[in-house]
C-alpha atoms as a PDB file:
ATOM      1  CA  MET A   1       7.363  31.798  21.690  1.00  0.00           C
ATOM      2  CA  LYS A   2       8.809  30.606  24.940  1.00  0.00           C
ATOM      3  CA  ASN A   3       9.315  33.208  27.664  1.00  0.00           C
ATOM      4  CA  ASN A   4      10.763  30.062  30.012  1.00  0.00           C
ATOM      5  CA  LYS A   5      12.962  33.514  32.825  1.00  0.00           C
ATOM      6  CA  ARG A   6      14.056  32.015  35.805  1.00  0.00           C
ATOM      7  CA  VAL A   7      12.093  32.816  39.486  1.00  0.00           C
ATOM      8  CA  LEU A   8      12.916  32.305  42.863  1.00  0.00           C
ATOM      9  CA  PHE A   9       9.792  31.092  45.129  1.00  0.00           C
ATOM     10  CA  ALA A  10      11.772  31.239  48.844  1.00  0.00           C
ATOM     11  CA  GLY A  11       9.154  30.051  51.921  1.00  0.00           C
ATOM     12  CA  ASN A  12       9.379  30.151  55.862  1.00  0.00           C
ATOM     13  CA  GLY A  13      12.674  28.406  55.488  1.00  0.00           C
ATOM     14  CA  VAL A  14      14.178  31.399  53.970  1.00  0.00           C
ATOM     15  CA  ALA A  15      13.800  33.088  56.857  1.00  0.00           C
ATOM     16  CA  LEU A  16      14.063  30.448  59.338  1.00  0.00           C
ATOM     17  CA  ARG A  17      17.298  30.267  57.942  1.00  0.00           C
ATOM     18  CA  MET A  18      18.656  33.989  58.815  1.00  0.00           C
ATOM     19  CA  GLY A  19      16.918  33.833  62.269  1.00  0.00           C
ATOM     20  CA  ALA A  20      14.385  36.500  61.179  1.00  0.00           C
ATOM     21  CA  ALA A  21      11.049  34.496  61.345  1.00  0.00           C
ATOM     22  CA  ASN A  22       9.408  31.004  64.152  1.00  0.00           C
ATOM     23  CA  LYS A  23       8.464  27.763  62.818  1.00  0.00           C
ATOM     24  CA  TRP A  24       4.628  27.816  62.213  1.00  0.00           C
ATOM     25  CA  ASN A  25       3.879  25.782  65.201  1.00  0.00           C
ATOM     26  CA  GLU A  26       5.442  27.525  67.939  1.00  0.00           C
ATOM     27  CA  ILE A  27       3.268  30.779  66.106  1.00  0.00           C
ATOM     28  CA  ILE A  28       0.241  28.250  66.432  1.00  0.00           C
ATOM     29  CA  ALA A  29       1.027  26.708  69.594  1.00  0.00           C
ATOM     30  CA  GLU A  30       1.417  30.376  70.999  1.00  0.00           C
ATOM     31  CA  PHE A  31      -1.606  31.213  69.837  1.00  0.00           C
ATOM     32  CA  ALA A  32      -2.988  28.186  71.153  1.00  0.00           C
ATOM     33  CA  GLU A  33      -2.466  28.971  74.736  1.00  0.00           C
ATOM     34  CA  GLU A  34      -3.818  32.378  74.392  1.00  0.00           C
ATOM     35  CA  TYR A  35      -7.264  31.313  72.907  1.00  0.00           C
ATOM     36  CA  ASP A  36      -7.944  27.932  74.006  1.00  0.00           C
ATOM     37  CA  PRO A  37      -5.660  26.941  76.665  1.00  0.00           C
ATOM     38  CA  GLN A  38      -7.289  23.387  77.178  1.00  0.00           C
ATOM     39  CA  LEU A  39      -7.514  22.505  73.654  1.00  0.00           C
ATOM     40  CA  ASP A  40      -5.702  18.809  73.369  1.00  0.00           C
ATOM     41  CA  ARG A  41      -2.446  19.947  71.676  1.00  0.00           C
ATOM     42  CA  LYS A  42      -2.065  16.702  70.041  1.00  0.00           C
ATOM     43  CA  LEU A  43      -5.126  16.285  68.078  1.00  0.00           C
ATOM     44  CA  LEU A  44      -4.833  20.025  66.952  1.00  0.00           C
ATOM     45  CA  LYS A  45      -1.174  18.509  65.448  1.00  0.00           C
ATOM     46  CA  LYS A  46      -3.683  16.562  63.151  1.00  0.00           C
ATOM     47  CA  LEU A  47      -5.274  19.280  61.881  1.00  0.00           C
ATOM     48  CA  PRO A  48      -3.382  21.098  58.526  1.00  0.00           C
ATOM     49  CA  TYR A  49      -1.989  24.651  59.188  1.00  0.00           C
ATOM     50  CA  ASN A  50      -4.557  26.434  57.692  1.00  0.00           C
ATOM     51  CA  MET A  51      -7.232  24.764  59.350  1.00  0.00           C
ATOM     52  CA  GLN A  52      -4.721  24.482  63.247  1.00  0.00           C
ATOM     53  CA  ILE A  53      -4.899  28.368  63.383  1.00  0.00           C
ATOM     54  CA  VAL A  54      -8.595  28.652  62.926  1.00  0.00           C
ATOM     55  CA  ALA A  55      -9.161  25.774  65.941  1.00  0.00           C
ATOM     56  CA  ALA A  56      -6.314  27.230  67.975  1.00  0.00           C
ATOM     57  CA  THR A  57      -8.063  31.100  67.356  1.00  0.00           C
ATOM     58  CA  ARG A  58     -11.617  30.046  68.026  1.00  0.00           C
ATOM     59  CA  ASP A  59     -11.995  31.201  64.573  1.00  0.00           C
ATOM     60  CA  ASN A  60     -10.585  34.932  65.689  1.00  0.00           C
ATOM     61  CA  VAL A  61      -8.044  34.690  62.795  1.00  0.00           C
ATOM     62  CA  ASP A  62      -8.461  38.368  61.725  1.00  0.00           C
ATOM     63  CA  LYS A  63      -7.886  39.208  65.657  1.00  0.00           C
ATOM     64  CA  SER A  64      -4.829  37.091  65.809  1.00  0.00           C
ATOM     65  CA  MET A  65      -3.774  37.992  62.419  1.00  0.00           C
ATOM     66  CA  VAL A  66      -3.674  41.704  63.686  1.00  0.00           C
ATOM     67  CA  GLU A  67      -1.382  40.288  67.115  1.00  0.00           C
ATOM     68  CA  LEU A  68       0.653  38.446  64.481  1.00  0.00           C
ATOM     69  CA  CYS A  69       1.782  41.093  62.179  1.00  0.00           C
ATOM     70  CA  GLN A  70       2.074  43.534  64.983  1.00  0.00           C
ATOM     71  CA  LYS A  71       5.033  41.078  66.273  1.00  0.00           C
ATOM     72  CA  LEU A  72       6.308  40.167  62.917  1.00  0.00           C
ATOM     73  CA  LYS A  73       6.732  44.499  62.022  1.00  0.00           C
ATOM     74  CA  GLU A  74       9.207  44.843  64.763  1.00  0.00           C
ATOM     75  CA  ILE A  75      11.728  42.190  62.793  1.00  0.00           C
ATOM     76  CA  THR A  76      14.803  43.462  63.167  1.00  0.00           C
ATOM     77  CA  LEU A  77      18.237  42.324  61.309  1.00  0.00           C
ATOM     78  CA  ASN A  78      21.796  42.276  62.207  1.00  0.00           C
ATOM     79  CA  GLU A  79      24.550  42.245  60.149  1.00  0.00           C
ATOM     80  CA  GLU A  80      24.711  38.938  59.312  1.00  0.00           C
ATOM     81  CA  GLN A  81      21.257  37.998  58.598  1.00  0.00           C
ATOM     82  CA  LYS A  82      21.407  41.130  56.238  1.00  0.00           C
ATOM     83  CA  ALA A  83      24.524  39.499  54.755  1.00  0.00           C
ATOM     84  CA  PHE A  84      22.774  36.494  53.891  1.00  0.00           C
ATOM     85  CA  GLY A  85      19.411  38.535  52.249  1.00  0.00           C
ATOM     86  CA  LYS A  86      21.826  40.461  49.789  1.00  0.00           C
ATOM     87  CA  ARG A  87      23.499  36.561  48.780  1.00  0.00           C
ATOM     88  CA  ILE A  88      19.920  36.126  48.100  1.00  0.00           C
ATOM     89  CA  LEU A  89      19.087  39.063  46.789  1.00  0.00           C
ATOM     90  CA  SER A  90      21.994  38.895  44.136  1.00  0.00           C
ATOM     91  CA  LEU A  91      21.437  35.483  42.349  1.00  0.00           C
ATOM     92  CA  PRO A  92      19.946  35.318  39.292  1.00  0.00           C
ATOM     93  CA  PHE A  93      16.609  35.994  39.744  1.00  0.00           C
ATOM     94  CA  ASP A  94      15.128  38.709  38.407  1.00  0.00           C
ATOM     95  CA  ARG A  95      11.632  38.253  40.764  1.00  0.00           C
ATOM     96  CA  ILE A  96      11.228  36.403  43.948  1.00  0.00           C
ATOM     97  CA  ILE A  97       7.893  35.040  45.117  1.00  0.00           C
ATOM     98  CA  THR A  98       7.674  34.801  48.701  1.00  0.00           C
ATOM     99  CA  THR A  99       5.142  32.949  50.831  1.00  0.00           C
ATOM    100  CA  ASN A 100       6.505  35.113  53.661  1.00  0.00           C
ATOM    101  CA  TYR A 101       4.623  38.219  55.120  1.00  0.00           C
ATOM    102  CA  THR A 102       7.891  40.019  56.431  1.00  0.00           C
ATOM    103  CA  TYR A 103      10.670  41.693  55.206  1.00  0.00           C
ATOM    104  CA  GLU A 104      13.709  40.137  55.273  1.00  0.00           C
ATOM    105  CA  LEU A 105      15.133  39.933  52.271  1.00  0.00           C
ATOM    106  CA  GLU A 106      13.997  43.687  52.084  1.00  0.00           C
ATOM    107  CA  ARG A 107      15.597  44.924  55.036  1.00  0.00           C
ATOM    108  CA  SER A 108      19.001  43.303  53.857  1.00  0.00           C
ATOM    109  CA  VAL A 109      19.145  46.018  51.329  1.00  0.00           C
ATOM    110  CA  SER A 110      16.962  49.046  52.761  1.00  0.00           C
ATOM    111  CA  GLU A 111      16.827  50.632  56.324  1.00  0.00           C
ATOM    112  CA  ASN A 112      13.090  51.734  55.294  1.00  0.00           C
ATOM    113  CA  LYS A 113      10.964  50.556  58.300  1.00  0.00           C
ATOM    114  CA  THR A 114       7.654  50.593  56.092  1.00  0.00           C
ATOM    115  CA  PHE A 115       7.877  49.210  51.829  1.00  0.00           C
ATOM    116  CA  ARG A 116       5.133  50.452  49.573  1.00  0.00           C
ATOM    117  CA  CYS A 117       3.714  47.759  47.146  1.00  0.00           C
ATOM    118  CA  ARG A 118       4.245  49.340  43.479  1.00  0.00           C
ATOM    119  CA  TYR A 119       1.727  48.183  40.604  1.00  0.00           C
ATOM    120  CA  PHE A 120       2.523  47.978  36.730  1.00  0.00           C
ATOM    121  CA  GLU A 121      -1.102  48.969  36.199  1.00  0.00           C
ATOM    122  CA  LYS A 122      -2.845  51.725  38.568  1.00  0.00           C
ATOM    123  CA  LYS A 123      -6.625  50.438  38.376  1.00  0.00           C
ATOM    124  CA  ARG A 124      -5.080  46.881  39.986  1.00  0.00           C
ATOM    125  CA  GLU A 125      -4.012  48.998  43.226  1.00  0.00           C
ATOM    126  CA  ARG A 126      -7.318  47.541  45.095  1.00  0.00           C
ATOM    127  CA  ASP A 127      -5.440  44.048  45.097  1.00  0.00           C
ATOM    128  CA  MET A 128      -2.746  43.630  46.503  1.00  0.00           C
ATOM    129  CA  SER A 129      -2.443  40.084  46.251  1.00  0.00           C
ATOM    130  CA  LEU A 130      -2.256  39.762  43.331  1.00  0.00           C
ATOM    131  CA  PHE A 131      -0.274  42.860  41.529  1.00  0.00           C
ATOM    132  CA  GLY A 132       1.361  44.381  44.293  1.00  0.00           C
ATOM    133  CA  TYR A 133       5.391  43.806  44.773  1.00  0.00           C
ATOM    134  CA  ILE A 134       8.222  45.230  46.192  1.00  0.00           C
ATOM    135  CA  PRO A 135      10.889  47.016  44.687  1.00  0.00           C
ATOM    136  CA  VAL A 136      14.408  46.403  46.153  1.00  0.00           C
ATOM    137  CA  THR A 137      18.043  47.622  44.375  1.00  0.00           C
ATOM    138  CA  ILE A 138      20.826  45.434  45.318  1.00  0.00           C
ATOM    139  CA  GLY A 139      24.196  46.994  43.005  1.00  0.00           C
ATOM    140  CA  GLU A 140      22.342  48.295  39.975  1.00  0.00           C
ATOM    141  CA  GLU A 141      20.223  46.334  39.734  1.00  0.00           C
ATOM    142  CA  GLU A 142      16.234  46.086  40.762  1.00  0.00           C
ATOM    143  CA  LYS A 143      14.296  43.403  42.258  1.00  0.00           C
ATOM    144  CA  GLN A 144      10.771  42.390  42.343  1.00  0.00           C
ATOM    145  CA  ILE A 145       8.991  40.965  45.397  1.00  0.00           C
ATOM    146  CA  TRP A 146       6.140  39.614  45.211  1.00  0.00           C
ATOM    147  CA  HIS A 147       4.375  38.284  48.521  1.00  0.00           C
ATOM    148  CA  ILE A 148       1.552  36.152  47.944  1.00  0.00           C
ATOM    149  CA  HIS A 149       0.309  35.315  51.133  1.00  0.00           C
ATOM    150  CA  GLY A 150       0.025  39.101  52.546  1.00  0.00           C
ATOM    151  CA  HIS A 151       2.231  41.770  53.799  1.00  0.00           C
ATOM    152  CA  ALA A 152       2.847  42.340  57.796  1.00  0.00           C
ATOM    153  CA  CYS A 153       2.118  46.198  57.155  1.00  0.00           C
ATOM    154  CA  ALA A 154      -1.385  45.414  55.820  1.00  0.00           C
ATOM    155  CA  PRO A 155      -3.456  42.488  58.454  1.00  0.00           C
ATOM    156  CA  ASN A 156      -6.201  42.491  56.275  1.00  0.00           C
ATOM    157  CA  SER A 157      -3.909  40.763  53.289  1.00  0.00           C
ATOM    158  CA  VAL A 158      -2.798  37.954  55.057  1.00  0.00           C
ATOM    159  CA  ILE A 159      -3.656  34.755  54.025  1.00  0.00           C
ATOM    160  CA  MET A 160      -4.289  32.382  56.224  1.00  0.00           C
ATOM    161  CA  GLY A 161      -7.045  30.313  57.677  1.00  0.00           C
ATOM    162  CA  HIS A 162     -10.467  28.879  55.652  1.00  0.00           C
ATOM    163  CA  TYR A 163     -11.941  31.592  54.716  1.00  0.00           C
ATOM    164  CA  PHE A 164      -9.036  33.715  53.159  1.00  0.00           C
ATOM    165  CA  TYR A 165      -7.247  30.702  51.409  1.00  0.00           C
ATOM    166  CA  GLY A 166     -10.631  30.537  49.960  1.00  0.00           C
ATOM    167  CA  LYS A 167     -10.730  34.156  48.750  1.00  0.00           C
ATOM    168  CA  LEU A 168      -6.988  34.710  47.430  1.00  0.00           C
ATOM    169  CA  LEU A 169      -7.749  31.141  45.254  1.00  0.00           C
ATOM    170  CA  SER A 170     -11.101  32.713  44.040  1.00  0.00           C
ATOM    171  CA  SER A 171      -8.851  35.176  43.205  1.00  0.00           C
ATOM    172  CA  ILE A 172      -6.724  33.388  41.115  1.00  0.00           C
ATOM    173  CA  GLN A 173      -9.109  31.735  39.386  1.00  0.00           C
ATOM    174  CA  SER A 174     -10.950  34.198  38.064  1.00  0.00           C
ATOM    175  CA  TYR A 175      -7.409  36.200  36.484  1.00  0.00           C
ATOM    176  CA  ILE A 176      -6.090  32.271  35.011  1.00  0.00           C
ATOM    177  CA  PRO A 177      -8.930  33.310  31.513  1.00  0.00           C
ATOM    178  CA  LYS A 178      -7.484  36.760  31.455  1.00  0.00           C
ATOM    179  CA  MET A 179      -4.469  36.341  31.595  1.00  0.00           C
ATOM    180  CA  LEU A 180      -4.298  32.824  28.781  1.00  0.00           C
ATOM    181  CA  LYS A 181      -6.564  35.459  26.770  1.00  0.00           C
ATOM    182  CA  GLY A 182      -3.794  38.180  26.831  1.00  0.00           C
ATOM    183  CA  TRP A 183      -0.552  35.489  26.397  1.00  0.00           C
ATOM    184  CA  ARG A 184      -2.501  34.267  23.575  1.00  0.00           C
ATOM    185  CA  MET A 185      -2.595  37.025  22.254  1.00  0.00           C
ATOM    186  CA  ARG A 186       1.092  38.325  22.135  1.00  0.00           C
ATOM    187  CA  GLN A 187       1.612  34.590  20.915  1.00  0.00           C
ATOM    188  CA  ASN A 188       0.423  35.062  17.964  1.00  0.00           C
ATOM    189  CA  ILE A 189       1.982  38.504  17.066  1.00  0.00           C
ATOM    190  CA  ASP A 190       5.609  37.280  18.322  1.00  0.00           C
ATOM    191  CA  GLY A 191       5.473  39.536  20.985  1.00  0.00           C
ATOM    192  CA  ASP A 192       6.624  39.185  24.778  1.00  0.00           C
ATOM    193  CA  PHE A 193       4.238  39.202  27.082  1.00  0.00           C
ATOM    194  CA  GLU A 194       4.637  41.339  30.299  1.00  0.00           C
ATOM    195  CA  ILE A 195       4.655  39.984  33.941  1.00  0.00           C
ATOM    196  CA  ARG A 196       1.827  41.870  35.649  1.00  0.00           C
ATOM    197  CA  SER A 197       1.280  39.358  38.169  1.00  0.00           C
ATOM    198  CA  TRP A 198       2.709  36.921  40.587  1.00  0.00           C
ATOM    199  CA  VAL A 199       0.815  34.676  38.951  1.00  0.00           C
ATOM    200  CA  ASP A 200       1.809  35.563  35.852  1.00  0.00           C
ATOM    201  CA  SER A 201       5.210  34.901  36.281  1.00  0.00           C
ATOM    202  CA  PHE A 202       4.630  31.445  38.450  1.00  0.00           C
ATOM    203  CA  MET A 203       2.756  29.583  34.666  1.00  0.00           C
ATOM    204  CA  THR A 204       5.013  31.153  32.258  1.00  0.00           C
ATOM    205  CA  ASP A 205       8.179  31.108  34.232  1.00  0.00           C
ATOM    206  CA  ASP A 206      10.766  27.910  35.694  1.00  0.00           C
ATOM    207  CA  VAL A 207      10.133  27.954  39.271  1.00  0.00           C
ATOM    208  CA  TYR A 208      12.390  27.356  41.420  1.00  0.00           C
ATOM    209  CA  MET A 209      10.917  26.304  45.244  1.00  0.00           C
ATOM    210  CA  VAL A 210      13.310  27.169  48.271  1.00  0.00           C
ATOM    211  CA  GLY A 211      12.386  26.778  52.210  1.00  0.00           C
ATOM    212  CA  PHE A 212       8.600  25.937  51.255  1.00  0.00           C
ATOM    213  CA  GLY A 213       7.128  22.848  52.871  1.00  0.00           C
ATOM    214  CA  MET A 214       4.658  22.598  50.047  1.00  0.00           C
ATOM    215  CA  ASP A 215       2.113  21.331  52.311  1.00  0.00           C
ATOM    216  CA  LEU A 216      -1.191  19.956  51.523  1.00  0.00           C
ATOM    217  CA  CYS A 217      -3.173  22.392  52.767  1.00  0.00           C
ATOM    218  CA  GLU A 218      -1.555  25.268  50.752  1.00  0.00           C
ATOM    219  CA  ALA A 219      -4.370  24.951  47.723  1.00  0.00           C
ATOM    220  CA  ASP A 220      -3.652  28.059  46.001  1.00  0.00           C
ATOM    221  CA  ILE A 221      -0.620  26.679  45.543  1.00  0.00           C
ATOM    222  CA  TRP A 222      -0.739  22.901  44.658  1.00  0.00           C
ATOM    223  CA  TRP A 223      -3.721  24.717  42.005  1.00  0.00           C
ATOM    224  CA  LEU A 224      -1.338  26.440  40.554  1.00  0.00           C
ATOM    225  CA  ALA A 225       0.767  23.867  40.146  1.00  0.00           C
ATOM    226  CA  CYS A 226      -2.279  21.865  37.976  1.00  0.00           C
ATOM    227  CA  CYS A 227      -2.943  24.744  36.007  1.00  0.00           C
ATOM    228  CA  LYS A 228       0.497  25.614  34.838  1.00  0.00           C
ATOM    229  CA  LYS A 229       0.884  21.918  33.600  1.00  0.00           C
ATOM    230  CA  ARG A 230      -2.007  22.037  31.810  1.00  0.00           C
ATOM    231  CA  HIS A 231      -1.750  25.525  30.004  1.00  0.00           C
ATOM    232  CA  PHE A 232       2.931  25.722  29.851  1.00  0.00           C
ATOM    233  CA  PRO A 233       4.143  21.943  29.951  1.00  0.00           C
ATOM    234  CA  ASP A 234       6.953  23.614  28.482  1.00  0.00           C
ATOM    235  CA  SER A 235       8.062  25.411  31.683  1.00  0.00           C
ATOM    236  CA  ARG A 236       9.173  23.943  34.590  1.00  0.00           C
ATOM    237  CA  ILE A 237       8.586  23.624  38.834  1.00  0.00           C
ATOM    238  CA  TYR A 238      11.899  22.916  40.686  1.00  0.00           C
ATOM    239  CA  TYR A 239      11.363  21.714  43.949  1.00  0.00           C
ATOM    240  CA  TYR A 240      14.544  21.758  46.913  1.00  0.00           C
ATOM    241  CA  VAL A 241      14.121  19.682  49.513  1.00  0.00           C
ATOM    242  CA  PRO A 242      17.509  17.682  51.925  1.00  0.00           C
ATOM    243  CA  GLU A 243      17.971  14.408  50.554  1.00  0.00           C
ATOM    244  CA  TRP A 244      16.431  13.485  54.105  1.00  0.00           C
ATOM    245  CA  ASP A 245      13.173  15.884  55.025  1.00  0.00           C
ATOM    246  CA  LEU A 246      11.454  14.215  52.203  1.00  0.00           C
ATOM    247  CA  PRO A 247      10.927  10.709  52.765  1.00  0.00           C
ATOM    248  CA  LYS A 248      10.469   7.972  49.778  1.00  0.00           C
ATOM    249  CA  ASP A 249       7.049   7.439  51.246  1.00  0.00           C
ATOM    250  CA  ASP A 250       5.545  11.100  51.713  1.00  0.00           C
ATOM    251  CA  PRO A 251       2.243  11.928  49.658  1.00  0.00           C
ATOM    252  CA  ARG A 252       3.323  14.903  48.550  1.00  0.00           C
ATOM    253  CA  ARG A 253       5.792  13.231  46.113  1.00  0.00           C
ATOM    254  CA  ILE A 254       2.866  11.691  44.286  1.00  0.00           C
ATOM    255  CA  LEU A 255       1.487  14.474  43.711  1.00  0.00           C
ATOM    256  CA  MET A 256       4.994  16.292  42.648  1.00  0.00           C
ATOM    257  CA  ASN A 257       4.891  13.283  40.569  1.00  0.00           C
ATOM    258  CA  ALA A 258       1.309  13.679  38.978  1.00  0.00           C
ATOM    259  CA  TYR A 259       2.508  17.233  38.528  1.00  0.00           C
ATOM    260  CA  GLY A 260       5.562  16.868  37.006  1.00  0.00           C
ATOM    261  CA  ILE A 261       6.978  19.064  39.898  1.00  0.00           C
ATOM    262  CA  VAL A 262      10.913  18.012  39.318  1.00  0.00           C
ATOM    263  CA  ILE A 263      12.310  17.407  43.329  1.00  0.00           C
ATOM    264  CA  ARG A 264      15.696  18.143  43.711  1.00  0.00           C
ATOM    265  CA  GLU A 265      17.198  16.405  46.604  1.00  0.00           C
ATOM    266  CA  ILE A 266      20.210  17.578  47.786  1.00  0.00           C
ATOM    267  CA  SER A 267      22.898  15.679  49.839  1.00  0.00           C
ATOM    268  CA  CYS A 268      24.229  17.283  53.024  1.00  0.00           C
ATOM    269  CA  PRO A 269      24.452  16.714  56.888  1.00  0.00           C
ATOM    270  CA  GLU A 270      21.231  15.296  58.458  1.00  0.00           C
ATOM    271  CA  LYS A 271      18.945  18.780  59.861  1.00  0.00           C
ATOM    272  CA  ASP A 272      21.669  20.908  58.631  1.00  0.00           C
ATOM    273  CA  PHE A 273      19.952  23.521  57.086  1.00  0.00           C
ATOM    274  CA  SER A 274      22.325  25.965  56.603  1.00  0.00           C
ATOM    275  CA  ALA A 275      24.384  23.564  54.804  1.00  0.00           C
ATOM    276  CA  PHE A 276      21.621  23.067  52.676  1.00  0.00           C
ATOM    277  CA  TYR A 277      21.329  26.879  51.833  1.00  0.00           C
ATOM    278  CA  GLU A 278      24.936  26.728  50.860  1.00  0.00           C
ATOM    279  CA  GLU A 279      24.623  24.694  48.326  1.00  0.00           C
ATOM    280  CA  ILE A 280      21.499  26.161  47.135  1.00  0.00           C
ATOM    281  CA  LEU A 281      23.535  29.332  46.651  1.00  0.00           C
ATOM    282  CA  LYS A 282      26.031  27.627  45.071  1.00  0.00           C
ATOM    283  CA  GLU A 283      23.813  26.375  42.354  1.00  0.00           C
ATOM    284  CA  PHE A 284      21.756  29.293  41.689  1.00  0.00           C
ATOM    285  CA  SER A 285      24.911  31.181  42.007  1.00  0.00           C
ATOM    286  CA  GLU A 286      26.071  28.983  38.884  1.00  0.00           C
ATOM    287  CA  PHE A 287      23.200  29.682  36.735  1.00  0.00           C
END
């Protein structure tokens, strides 16, 4: 039984292209100025991003996330930004996995001020991080958007810093054996495996990553990439990046090659992310 469908994995780069987000180094710099103005910024930048936030806020990650989410909830989109979001949603993907806390894709097609998660099983409603998705409709199609690192409307769900990354990874590791058991049961009776969590989709589907830095600090994603290779070697991760944005000596290449991640380097003018996304949209629309 082969269940390889395609799932879009959208990182902060997509929100940046829409003009609906800031770069993480800018966000962290603002927190450092608020919590510790004397902090050596050059030294701070030597830490991985998920550790920078801990140092920049003097380990007031919980409080800083409440502040950040309040700002993120106030983001609005103009018609041009909505048009780009609709183009993303119109691509031939039923499911979209995103690390963004914000709702730029949802707001491209909805005037809602808040968005509530839906669950396939009522007993899962306490675990938004693994099982909660937001349904959106584009045309006559319903899409599922999974915010895997938390929601701006729920600051306690946001994944940032050691403590929260550890909790998320623990939840994923606890879930995987149950997921694999369910997969094998369906395989034995030649039945379809039903997607109940974004982890199910990440593991069994072909994943197309766009706008995601795949920073070495993203422990949950790297662990899942390893797990995916071990248990679902016929499914793939395709990592899209401008050819000038991933140097040949970048250490991420070593891990990607080890885990079988296919690097798709897109030719486009240097520093022209708009051209990069146009190439991506063209390729994906032809699936």
